[in-house]
N, C-alpha and C. Protein backbone atom coordinates (compact mmCIF):
# COMPACT_ATOMS: atom_id res chain seq x y z
N UNK A 1 -39.22 -6.65 2.98
CA UNK A 1 -40.47 -7.16 2.46
C UNK A 1 -40.30 -8.17 1.28
N UNK A 2 -40.93 -9.27 1.38
CA UNK A 2 -40.77 -10.69 0.28
C UNK A 2 -41.82 -10.35 -0.47
N UNK A 3 -41.47 -10.64 -1.50
CA UNK A 3 -42.66 -10.53 -2.74
C UNK A 3 -43.21 -12.43 -3.06
N UNK A 4 -44.18 -12.61 -2.85
CA UNK A 4 -44.72 -14.29 -3.46
C UNK A 4 -44.33 -14.71 -4.62
N UNK A 5 -44.06 -15.45 -4.84
CA UNK A 5 -44.19 -15.99 -6.32
C UNK A 5 -44.78 -15.54 -7.25
N UNK A 6 -45.97 -15.23 -7.15
CA UNK A 6 -47.29 -14.76 -8.00
C UNK A 6 -46.62 -13.25 -8.40
N UNK A 7 -46.20 -12.83 -7.26
CA UNK A 7 -46.12 -11.25 -7.67
C UNK A 7 -44.99 -11.06 -8.46
N UNK A 8 -44.03 -11.75 -8.39
CA UNK A 8 -42.97 -11.61 -9.21
C UNK A 8 -43.26 -12.20 -10.58
N UNK A 9 -43.75 -13.04 -10.51
CA UNK A 9 -43.88 -13.64 -12.27
C UNK A 9 -45.06 -12.81 -12.87
N UNK A 10 -45.79 -12.09 -11.83
CA UNK A 10 -46.95 -10.90 -12.67
C UNK A 10 -46.06 -9.40 -12.91
N UNK A 11 -45.08 -9.26 -12.04
CA UNK A 11 -44.21 -8.03 -12.24
C UNK A 11 -43.02 -8.49 -13.86
N UNK A 12 -42.65 -9.55 -13.98
CA UNK A 12 -42.02 -9.90 -14.99
C UNK A 12 -42.89 -9.85 -16.48
N UNK A 13 -44.11 -10.52 -16.38
CA UNK A 13 -45.32 -10.10 -17.25
C UNK A 13 -45.25 -8.66 -17.44
N UNK A 14 -45.45 -8.01 -16.82
CA UNK A 14 -45.82 -6.25 -17.03
C UNK A 14 -44.30 -5.87 -17.30
N UNK A 15 -43.17 -6.26 -17.39
CA UNK A 15 -41.70 -5.47 -18.10
C UNK A 15 -42.05 -6.18 -19.22
N UNK A 16 -41.96 -7.63 -19.60
CA UNK A 16 -41.97 -7.67 -20.79
C UNK A 16 -43.17 -7.36 -21.73
N UNK A 17 -44.56 -7.20 -21.22
CA UNK A 17 -45.44 -6.26 -22.38
C UNK A 17 -45.32 -4.82 -22.22
N UNK A 18 -44.82 -4.37 -21.57
CA UNK A 18 -44.09 -3.07 -21.70
C UNK A 18 -43.05 -2.63 -22.89
N UNK A 19 -41.85 -3.96 -22.87
CA UNK A 19 -40.88 -4.33 -24.06
C UNK A 19 -41.38 -4.18 -25.28
N UNK A 20 -42.48 -5.29 -25.12
CA UNK A 20 -42.95 -5.56 -26.13
C UNK A 20 -43.55 -4.49 -26.89
N UNK A 21 -44.44 -3.88 -26.25
CA UNK A 21 -45.27 -2.67 -26.54
C UNK A 21 -44.49 -1.50 -27.05
N UNK A 22 -43.38 -1.52 -26.50
CA UNK A 22 -42.28 -0.18 -26.89
C UNK A 22 -41.40 -0.79 -28.14
N UNK A 23 -41.33 -1.77 -28.19
CA UNK A 23 -40.74 -2.42 -29.42
C UNK A 23 -41.79 -2.05 -30.55
N UNK A 24 -42.68 -2.67 -30.25
CA UNK A 24 -43.70 -2.50 -31.52
C UNK A 24 -44.47 -1.05 -31.86
N UNK A 25 -44.23 -0.36 -30.61
CA UNK A 25 -44.00 1.50 -31.06
C UNK A 25 -43.44 1.81 -31.81
N UNK A 26 -42.39 1.51 -31.91
CA UNK A 26 -41.15 2.10 -32.44
C UNK A 26 -41.17 1.34 -34.02
N UNK A 27 -41.68 -0.26 -34.21
CA UNK A 27 -41.77 -0.41 -35.17
C UNK A 27 -42.72 0.29 -36.06
N UNK A 28 -43.73 0.50 -35.69
CA UNK A 28 -44.75 1.56 -35.90
C UNK A 28 -44.60 2.63 -36.32
N UNK A 29 -43.49 3.69 -35.54
CA UNK A 29 -43.37 4.89 -36.25
C UNK A 29 -42.49 4.84 -37.13
N UNK A 30 -41.63 3.82 -37.26
CA UNK A 30 -40.61 3.57 -38.60
C UNK A 30 -41.53 3.22 -39.65
N UNK A 31 -42.25 2.50 -39.47
CA UNK A 31 -42.60 2.18 -40.74
C UNK A 31 -44.02 3.15 -40.99
N UNK A 32 -44.42 4.27 -40.56
CA UNK A 32 -45.24 5.13 -41.01
C UNK A 32 -44.27 6.62 -41.18
N UNK A 33 -43.24 6.19 -40.91
CA UNK A 33 -42.61 7.65 -41.47
C UNK A 33 -41.64 7.39 -42.74
N UNK A 34 -41.48 5.82 -43.30
CA UNK A 34 -40.62 5.74 -44.26
C UNK A 34 -40.80 4.45 -44.56
N UNK A 35 -42.02 4.24 -45.20
CA UNK A 35 -42.23 3.25 -46.01
C UNK A 35 -41.69 2.54 -47.31
N UNK A 36 -41.02 4.17 -47.80
CA UNK A 36 -40.11 3.64 -49.34
C UNK A 36 -38.96 2.76 -48.44
N UNK A 37 -38.61 3.43 -47.58
CA UNK A 37 -37.24 2.94 -47.26
C UNK A 37 -37.26 1.47 -46.80
N UNK A 38 -38.36 1.00 -46.47
CA UNK A 38 -38.79 -0.19 -45.90
C UNK A 38 -39.12 -1.56 -47.35
N UNK A 39 -39.69 -0.68 -48.08
CA UNK A 39 -39.79 -1.29 -49.33
C UNK A 39 -38.35 -1.67 -50.11
N UNK A 40 -37.58 -0.26 -49.99
CA UNK A 40 -36.45 -0.68 -50.89
C UNK A 40 -35.61 -1.99 -50.30
N UNK A 41 -35.31 -1.83 -48.83
CA UNK A 41 -34.84 -2.82 -48.02
C UNK A 41 -35.43 -4.54 -48.28
N UNK A 42 -36.76 -4.60 -48.58
CA UNK A 42 -37.25 -5.79 -48.94
C UNK A 42 -37.30 -6.27 -50.03
N UNK A 43 -37.19 -5.05 -50.97
CA UNK A 43 -36.61 -5.54 -52.44
C UNK A 43 -35.40 -6.26 -52.60
N UNK A 44 -34.32 -5.25 -51.95
CA UNK A 44 -33.03 -5.51 -51.79
C UNK A 44 -32.62 -7.26 -51.46
N UNK A 45 -33.34 -6.96 -50.60
CA UNK A 45 -32.93 -8.72 -49.89
C UNK A 45 -33.82 -9.80 -50.97
N UNK A 46 -34.74 -9.19 -51.59
CA UNK A 46 -35.56 -10.55 -52.48
C UNK A 46 -34.51 -10.12 -54.09
N UNK A 47 -34.19 -9.28 -54.52
CA UNK A 47 -33.54 -9.35 -55.19
C UNK A 47 -31.82 -10.13 -55.15
N UNK A 48 -31.45 -9.86 -53.45
CA UNK A 48 -30.15 -10.53 -53.73
C UNK A 48 -30.14 -11.66 -53.92
N UNK A 49 -31.11 -12.69 -53.57
CA UNK A 49 -31.02 -14.29 -53.15
C UNK A 49 -31.35 -14.40 -54.72
N UNK A 50 -32.17 -13.43 -55.73
CA UNK A 50 -32.33 -13.79 -57.12
C UNK A 50 -30.50 -13.36 -57.70
N UNK A 51 -30.04 -12.47 -57.29
CA UNK A 51 -28.71 -12.26 -57.53
C UNK A 51 -27.68 -13.36 -57.46
N UNK A 52 -27.90 -13.78 -56.27
CA UNK A 52 -26.90 -15.02 -56.37
C UNK A 52 -27.34 -16.34 -57.02
N UNK A 53 -28.23 -16.34 -57.32
CA UNK A 53 -28.73 -17.27 -58.03
C UNK A 53 -28.32 -17.06 -59.98
N UNK A 54 -28.59 -16.12 -59.86
CA UNK A 54 -27.89 -15.75 -61.47
C UNK A 54 -26.71 -16.09 -61.46
N UNK A 55 -25.60 -15.82 -60.19
CA UNK A 55 -24.67 -15.75 -60.67
C UNK A 55 -24.08 -17.29 -60.46
N UNK A 56 -24.93 -17.95 -59.73
CA UNK A 56 -24.27 -19.56 -59.87
C UNK A 56 -24.82 -20.24 -61.08
N UNK A 57 -25.98 -19.57 -61.68
CA UNK A 57 -26.50 -20.25 -63.16
C UNK A 57 -25.67 -19.62 -63.98
N UNK A 58 -24.51 -18.32 -64.35
CA UNK A 58 -23.61 -18.05 -64.93
C UNK A 58 -24.30 -17.19 -65.81
N UNK A 59 -25.56 -16.89 -65.80
CA UNK A 59 -26.21 -15.79 -66.65
C UNK A 59 -25.65 -14.46 -66.20
N UNK A 60 -24.75 -13.70 -66.77
CA UNK A 60 -23.88 -13.02 -66.91
C UNK A 60 -24.15 -11.55 -66.80
N UNK A 61 -25.10 -11.45 -68.20
CA UNK A 61 -25.79 -10.40 -68.38
C UNK A 61 -26.86 -9.90 -67.61
N UNK A 62 -27.64 -10.73 -66.87
CA UNK A 62 -28.62 -10.25 -66.31
C UNK A 62 -27.97 -10.28 -64.68
N UNK A 63 -26.92 -11.18 -64.52
CA UNK A 63 -26.26 -10.57 -63.07
C UNK A 63 -25.91 -9.34 -63.19
N UNK A 64 -25.36 -8.94 -64.09
CA UNK A 64 -24.91 -7.62 -64.15
C UNK A 64 -26.14 -6.32 -64.06
N UNK A 65 -27.08 -6.63 -64.61
CA UNK A 65 -27.99 -6.11 -64.51
C UNK A 65 -28.85 -5.40 -63.69
N UNK A 66 -29.24 -6.56 -62.70
CA UNK A 66 -29.56 -6.88 -61.15
C UNK A 66 -28.51 -5.58 -60.37
N UNK A 67 -27.26 -6.01 -60.49
CA UNK A 67 -26.28 -5.80 -59.71
C UNK A 67 -26.03 -4.19 -59.60
N UNK A 68 -26.02 -3.56 -60.72
CA UNK A 68 -26.42 -2.25 -61.03
C UNK A 68 -27.88 -1.78 -60.45
N UNK A 69 -28.74 -2.30 -60.61
CA UNK A 69 -30.26 -2.33 -60.46
C UNK A 69 -29.76 -2.26 -58.52
N UNK A 70 -28.92 -2.83 -58.06
CA UNK A 70 -29.32 -3.21 -56.71
C UNK A 70 -28.27 -1.98 -56.20
N UNK A 71 -27.15 -1.53 -56.90
CA UNK A 71 -26.35 -0.56 -56.07
C UNK A 71 -26.79 1.02 -55.94
N UNK A 72 -27.77 0.81 -57.20
CA UNK A 72 -28.15 2.39 -57.63
C UNK A 72 -29.72 2.42 -56.14
N UNK A 73 -30.00 1.32 -55.76
CA UNK A 73 -31.10 1.27 -55.03
C UNK A 73 -30.38 1.43 -53.82
N UNK A 74 -29.12 0.67 -53.36
CA UNK A 74 -29.06 0.85 -52.21
C UNK A 74 -28.07 2.60 -51.82
N UNK A 75 -28.00 3.32 -52.90
CA UNK A 75 -27.13 4.62 -53.02
C UNK A 75 -28.69 5.35 -52.67
N UNK A 76 -29.66 5.10 -53.30
CA UNK A 76 -30.60 6.00 -53.17
C UNK A 76 -31.78 5.99 -51.98
N UNK A 77 -31.22 4.70 -51.37
CA UNK A 77 -31.90 4.11 -49.91
C UNK A 77 -31.41 4.89 -48.95
N UNK A 78 -29.54 5.24 -48.68
CA UNK A 78 -29.24 5.87 -48.12
C UNK A 78 -29.40 7.53 -48.38
N UNK A 79 -29.72 8.20 -49.55
CA UNK A 79 -30.13 9.31 -49.21
C UNK A 79 -31.29 9.50 -48.76
N UNK A 80 -32.49 8.44 -48.77
CA UNK A 80 -33.46 8.32 -48.03
C UNK A 80 -33.44 8.70 -46.73
N UNK A 81 -32.60 7.88 -45.84
CA UNK A 81 -32.40 7.74 -44.57
C UNK A 81 -31.69 8.77 -44.12
N UNK A 82 -30.61 9.85 -45.09
CA UNK A 82 -30.24 10.84 -44.78
C UNK A 82 -31.53 12.05 -43.72
N UNK A 83 -32.11 11.71 -44.86
CA UNK A 83 -33.04 13.20 -44.43
C UNK A 83 -32.85 14.65 -44.77
N UNK A 84 -32.02 14.54 -45.63
CA UNK A 84 -31.23 16.36 -45.62
C UNK A 84 -32.16 16.69 -47.21
N UNK A 85 -33.06 15.67 -48.01
CA UNK A 85 -33.19 16.12 -49.58
C UNK A 85 -34.34 17.09 -49.22
N UNK A 86 -34.36 18.10 -50.10
CA UNK A 86 -35.61 19.01 -50.02
C UNK A 86 -36.72 18.18 -50.57
N UNK A 87 -37.89 18.72 -50.57
CA UNK A 87 -39.10 18.03 -51.03
C UNK A 87 -39.13 17.90 -52.01
N UNK A 88 -38.94 18.58 -53.11
CA UNK A 88 -38.74 18.47 -54.83
C UNK A 88 -37.78 17.46 -55.46
N UNK A 89 -36.65 17.29 -54.64
CA UNK A 89 -35.48 15.97 -54.97
C UNK A 89 -35.93 14.93 -54.19
N UNK A 90 -36.74 14.80 -52.65
CA UNK A 90 -37.05 13.81 -52.33
C UNK A 90 -38.39 13.17 -53.12
N UNK A 91 -39.04 14.20 -53.69
CA UNK A 91 -40.00 13.64 -54.72
C UNK A 91 -39.71 12.75 -55.58
N UNK A 92 -38.66 13.61 -56.68
CA UNK A 92 -37.83 13.42 -57.94
C UNK A 92 -36.94 11.53 -57.32
N UNK A 93 -36.60 11.63 -56.34
CA UNK A 93 -36.13 10.42 -55.85
C UNK A 93 -36.61 9.24 -55.88
N UNK A 94 -38.03 9.77 -55.37
CA UNK A 94 -38.91 8.66 -54.89
C UNK A 94 -39.40 8.11 -56.13
N UNK A 95 -39.72 8.81 -57.18
CA UNK A 95 -40.26 8.66 -58.49
C UNK A 95 -39.09 7.65 -59.16
N UNK A 96 -37.70 7.88 -58.89
CA UNK A 96 -36.86 7.11 -59.40
C UNK A 96 -36.49 6.02 -58.65
N UNK A 97 -36.85 5.94 -57.58
CA UNK A 97 -36.72 4.47 -56.87
C UNK A 97 -37.87 3.22 -57.00
N UNK A 98 -39.14 4.00 -57.13
CA UNK A 98 -40.21 3.27 -57.26
C UNK A 98 -40.12 2.47 -58.87
N UNK A 99 -39.67 3.66 -60.03
CA UNK A 99 -39.61 3.62 -61.08
C UNK A 99 -38.64 1.80 -61.62
N UNK A 100 -37.45 2.04 -60.63
CA UNK A 100 -36.10 1.11 -60.41
C UNK A 100 -36.84 -0.44 -60.17
N UNK A 101 -37.86 -0.37 -58.91
CA UNK A 101 -38.03 -1.26 -58.35
C UNK A 101 -39.05 -1.95 -59.62
N UNK A 102 -40.18 -1.36 -59.97
CA UNK A 102 -40.72 -1.89 -60.65
C UNK A 102 -39.89 -2.46 -62.09
N UNK A 103 -39.43 -1.28 -62.64
CA UNK A 103 -38.69 -2.65 -63.76
C UNK A 103 -37.76 -3.46 -63.08
N UNK A 104 -37.13 -3.34 -62.23
CA UNK A 104 -36.49 -4.93 -62.18
C UNK A 104 -37.35 -6.14 -61.94
N UNK A 105 -38.15 -5.60 -61.21
CA UNK A 105 -39.49 -6.56 -60.99
C UNK A 105 -39.80 -7.35 -62.06
N UNK A 106 -40.09 -6.43 -63.19
CA UNK A 106 -40.48 -6.80 -64.42
C UNK A 106 -39.22 -7.71 -64.92
N UNK A 107 -38.32 -7.21 -65.08
CA UNK A 107 -36.78 -8.20 -65.64
C UNK A 107 -36.84 -9.19 -64.85
N UNK A 108 -37.40 -9.33 -63.66
CA UNK A 108 -36.88 -10.70 -62.99
C UNK A 108 -38.14 -11.40 -63.00
N UNK A 109 -39.21 -11.03 -63.38
CA UNK A 109 -40.14 -11.65 -63.87
C UNK A 109 -41.03 -12.08 -62.43
N UNK A 110 -41.04 -10.73 -61.27
CA UNK A 110 -41.75 -10.83 -60.13
C UNK A 110 -43.09 -10.09 -60.52
N UNK A 111 -43.67 -10.17 -59.09
CA UNK A 111 -45.15 -9.52 -59.19
C UNK A 111 -45.11 -7.64 -59.41
N UNK A 112 -45.85 -7.15 -60.15
CA UNK A 112 -45.65 -6.14 -60.27
C UNK A 112 -46.83 -5.50 -59.01
N UNK A 113 -46.16 -4.41 -58.34
CA UNK A 113 -46.66 -3.56 -57.53
C UNK A 113 -47.58 -2.28 -58.06
N UNK A 114 -48.90 -2.00 -57.93
CA UNK A 114 -49.49 -1.57 -58.19
C UNK A 114 -49.48 -0.50 -57.39
N UNK A 115 -49.34 0.97 -57.88
CA UNK A 115 -49.23 2.41 -57.36
C UNK A 115 -49.71 3.19 -57.32
N UNK A 116 -50.16 4.30 -56.45
CA UNK A 116 -50.74 5.61 -57.20
C UNK A 116 -50.20 6.06 -57.65
N UNK A 117 -50.28 7.73 -57.88
CA UNK A 117 -50.07 8.57 -58.63
C UNK A 117 -48.43 9.38 -57.97
N UNK A 118 -48.68 9.09 -56.80
CA UNK A 118 -47.24 9.67 -55.63
C UNK A 118 -46.46 8.68 -55.45
N UNK A 119 -46.79 7.18 -56.15
CA UNK A 119 -45.51 6.18 -55.86
C UNK A 119 -46.05 5.23 -54.75
N UNK A 120 -47.03 5.72 -54.32
CA UNK A 120 -47.54 4.75 -53.31
C UNK A 120 -47.82 3.54 -53.40
N UNK A 121 -47.60 2.52 -52.58
CA UNK A 121 -48.12 1.43 -53.21
C UNK A 121 -49.79 1.32 -52.57
N UNK A 122 -50.64 0.94 -53.58
CA UNK A 122 -52.14 1.10 -53.49
C UNK A 122 -52.83 -0.56 -52.45
N UNK A 123 -53.48 0.24 -51.32
CA UNK A 123 -53.91 -0.89 -51.13
C UNK A 123 -55.34 -1.57 -51.17
N UNK A 124 -55.51 -2.78 -51.82
CA UNK A 124 -56.47 -3.45 -52.25
C UNK A 124 -57.49 -3.04 -51.21
N UNK A 125 -57.42 -3.43 -50.12
CA UNK A 125 -58.96 -3.22 -48.97
C UNK A 125 -59.03 -1.75 -49.38
N UNK A 126 -58.38 -0.79 -49.70
CA UNK A 126 -58.95 0.38 -49.40
C UNK A 126 -59.34 1.22 -50.94
N UNK A 127 -58.54 0.33 -52.29
CA UNK A 127 -58.82 0.64 -53.35
C UNK A 127 -60.08 -0.11 -54.70
N UNK A 128 -60.78 0.39 -55.51
CA UNK A 128 -61.65 -0.71 -55.98
C UNK A 128 -61.07 -1.28 -57.38
N UNK A 129 -61.54 -2.36 -57.23
CA UNK A 129 -60.95 -3.52 -58.23
C UNK A 129 -60.92 -2.35 -59.67
N UNK A 130 -61.51 -2.20 -59.76
CA UNK A 130 -61.51 -1.31 -61.42
C UNK A 130 -60.21 -0.24 -61.31
N UNK A 131 -59.81 0.44 -60.33
CA UNK A 131 -58.64 1.83 -60.15
C UNK A 131 -57.63 0.76 -60.22
N UNK A 132 -57.77 -0.67 -59.51
CA UNK A 132 -56.57 -1.28 -59.32
C UNK A 132 -55.88 -1.97 -60.68
N UNK A 133 -57.47 -2.54 -61.49
CA UNK A 133 -57.40 -2.75 -62.66
C UNK A 133 -56.34 -1.85 -63.78
N UNK A 134 -56.50 -0.24 -63.52
CA UNK A 134 -56.68 0.49 -64.54
C UNK A 134 -55.12 0.83 -64.23
N UNK A 135 -54.64 1.02 -62.67
CA UNK A 135 -53.42 1.00 -62.45
C UNK A 135 -52.41 0.23 -62.78
N UNK A 136 -52.87 -1.04 -63.23
CA UNK A 136 -51.94 -2.08 -63.34
C UNK A 136 -52.06 -1.83 -64.73
N UNK A 137 -52.51 -1.57 -65.87
CA UNK A 137 -52.52 -1.65 -67.29
C UNK A 137 -51.30 -0.43 -67.26
N UNK A 138 -51.59 0.31 -66.57
CA UNK A 138 -51.20 1.82 -66.83
C UNK A 138 -49.56 1.14 -66.12
N UNK A 139 -49.35 0.86 -65.25
CA UNK A 139 -48.21 0.43 -64.66
C UNK A 139 -47.33 -0.55 -65.92
N UNK A 140 -48.32 -1.51 -65.73
CA UNK A 140 -47.36 -2.45 -67.17
C UNK A 140 -47.05 -1.74 -68.83
N UNK A 141 -48.04 -0.99 -68.87
CA UNK A 141 -47.69 -0.30 -70.34
C UNK A 141 -46.59 0.40 -69.61
N UNK A 142 -46.25 1.68 -69.06
CA UNK A 142 -45.10 2.53 -68.86
C UNK A 142 -43.71 1.33 -68.98
N UNK A 143 -44.12 0.33 -68.17
CA UNK A 143 -42.67 -0.41 -67.70
C UNK A 143 -42.40 -1.20 -69.11
N UNK A 144 -43.28 -1.44 -70.03
CA UNK A 144 -42.88 -2.15 -71.12
C UNK A 144 -42.55 -1.26 -72.32
N UNK A 145 -42.65 0.20 -71.99
CA UNK A 145 -42.15 1.31 -72.89
C UNK A 145 -40.71 1.53 -72.69
N UNK A 146 -40.38 1.38 -71.34
CA UNK A 146 -39.33 1.72 -70.56
C UNK A 146 -38.10 0.58 -71.25
N UNK A 147 -38.65 -0.98 -71.49
CA UNK A 147 -38.07 -1.76 -71.71
C UNK A 147 -37.79 -1.64 -73.12
N UNK A 148 -38.32 -1.25 -74.14
CA UNK A 148 -38.70 -1.08 -75.50
C UNK A 148 -37.35 0.06 -75.58
N UNK A 149 -37.30 1.29 -74.63
CA UNK A 149 -36.38 2.34 -74.79
C UNK A 149 -35.18 1.87 -74.29
N UNK A 150 -34.91 0.96 -73.57
CA UNK A 150 -33.41 0.76 -73.21
C UNK A 150 -32.92 -0.58 -74.42
N UNK A 151 -33.71 -1.32 -74.78
CA UNK A 151 -33.67 -2.37 -75.80
C UNK A 151 -33.21 -1.33 -77.05
N UNK A 152 -33.74 0.01 -77.63
CA UNK A 152 -33.02 0.57 -78.56
C UNK A 152 -31.99 1.06 -78.50
N UNK A 153 -31.70 1.76 -76.98
CA UNK A 153 -30.47 2.76 -76.84
C UNK A 153 -29.68 1.29 -76.49
N UNK A 154 -29.60 0.12 -76.27
CA UNK A 154 -28.73 -1.21 -76.06
C UNK A 154 -28.49 -1.27 -77.60
N UNK A 155 -29.36 -1.43 -79.05
CA UNK A 155 -28.95 -1.59 -79.99
C UNK A 155 -28.13 -0.29 -80.83
N UNK A 156 -28.87 0.59 -80.18
CA UNK A 156 -27.90 1.75 -81.06
C UNK A 156 -26.52 1.82 -80.91
N UNK A 157 -26.14 1.93 -79.27
CA UNK A 157 -24.62 1.70 -78.74
C UNK A 157 -23.94 0.45 -79.14
N UNK A 158 -24.76 -0.67 -79.61
CA UNK A 158 -24.00 -1.77 -80.42
C UNK A 158 -23.76 -1.46 -82.03
N UNK A 159 -24.49 -0.55 -82.46
CA UNK A 159 -24.37 -0.38 -83.94
C UNK A 159 -22.94 0.36 -83.81
N UNK A 160 -23.13 1.46 -83.02
CA UNK A 160 -22.16 2.28 -82.64
C UNK A 160 -20.65 1.68 -82.64
N UNK A 161 -20.86 0.86 -81.95
CA UNK A 161 -19.32 0.11 -81.40
C UNK A 161 -18.87 -0.52 -82.61
N UNK A 162 -19.91 -1.27 -83.62
CA UNK A 162 -19.42 -2.15 -84.82
C UNK A 162 -19.11 -0.67 -85.15
N UNK A 163 -19.32 0.06 -85.92
CA UNK A 163 -18.97 0.69 -87.10
C UNK A 163 -17.54 1.43 -86.14
N UNK A 164 -17.64 1.75 -85.25
CA UNK A 164 -16.41 2.39 -84.42
C UNK A 164 -15.54 1.61 -84.72
N UNK A 165 -15.57 0.17 -84.59
CA UNK A 165 -14.34 -1.07 -84.38
C UNK A 165 -14.35 -1.01 -85.85
N UNK A 166 -14.98 -0.85 -86.58
CA UNK A 166 -14.75 -1.27 -88.28
C UNK A 166 -13.92 -0.09 -88.76
N UNK A 167 -14.29 1.40 -88.47
CA UNK A 167 -13.31 2.70 -88.80
C UNK A 167 -11.88 2.12 -88.05
N UNK A 168 -11.92 1.84 -86.91
CA UNK A 168 -10.73 1.91 -86.29
C UNK A 168 -9.75 0.30 -86.81
N UNK A 169 -10.47 -0.78 -87.30
CA UNK A 169 -9.59 -2.21 -87.89
C UNK A 169 -9.18 -1.75 -89.63
N UNK A 170 -9.86 -0.89 -90.11
CA UNK A 170 -9.91 -0.08 -91.80
C UNK A 170 -9.02 0.85 -91.90
N UNK A 171 -8.83 1.78 -90.94
CA UNK A 171 -8.08 3.01 -91.12
C UNK A 171 -6.63 2.50 -90.26
């Protein structure tokens, strides 16, 4: 039995529709299960472009800082993908990941991602403007405090290095 041209076209359309629906469903399943992994992947791609720009602009200190943060995110991403972490470690890792992303975005002067208490990105369509504002204020405050702490530690380290160098050269 022979098929008409229209029947062949209809069958091809149905197969294309089936394959696109299957691919779309897989994508939705992946995004529903691991939104943090997707966020880390997107962040690494975005930071990777900036990282190359820092290298070509010879901004070595920031280049090494971003490189270190990217390596941390890559390691943590693989731990998230492994699916072997207990709930308490997963929660702790999620906190570290979101904190590092927010901190890195601040250092690179990128947009701040507003999150809820659990570290999930807040949906502006489902969250009131006032709640978003308060969450944004809190996130900005926490990141600023972290940057200050890092600067204090860096200054202490530098001071200790100078003192140690003076002791070695004098003694």
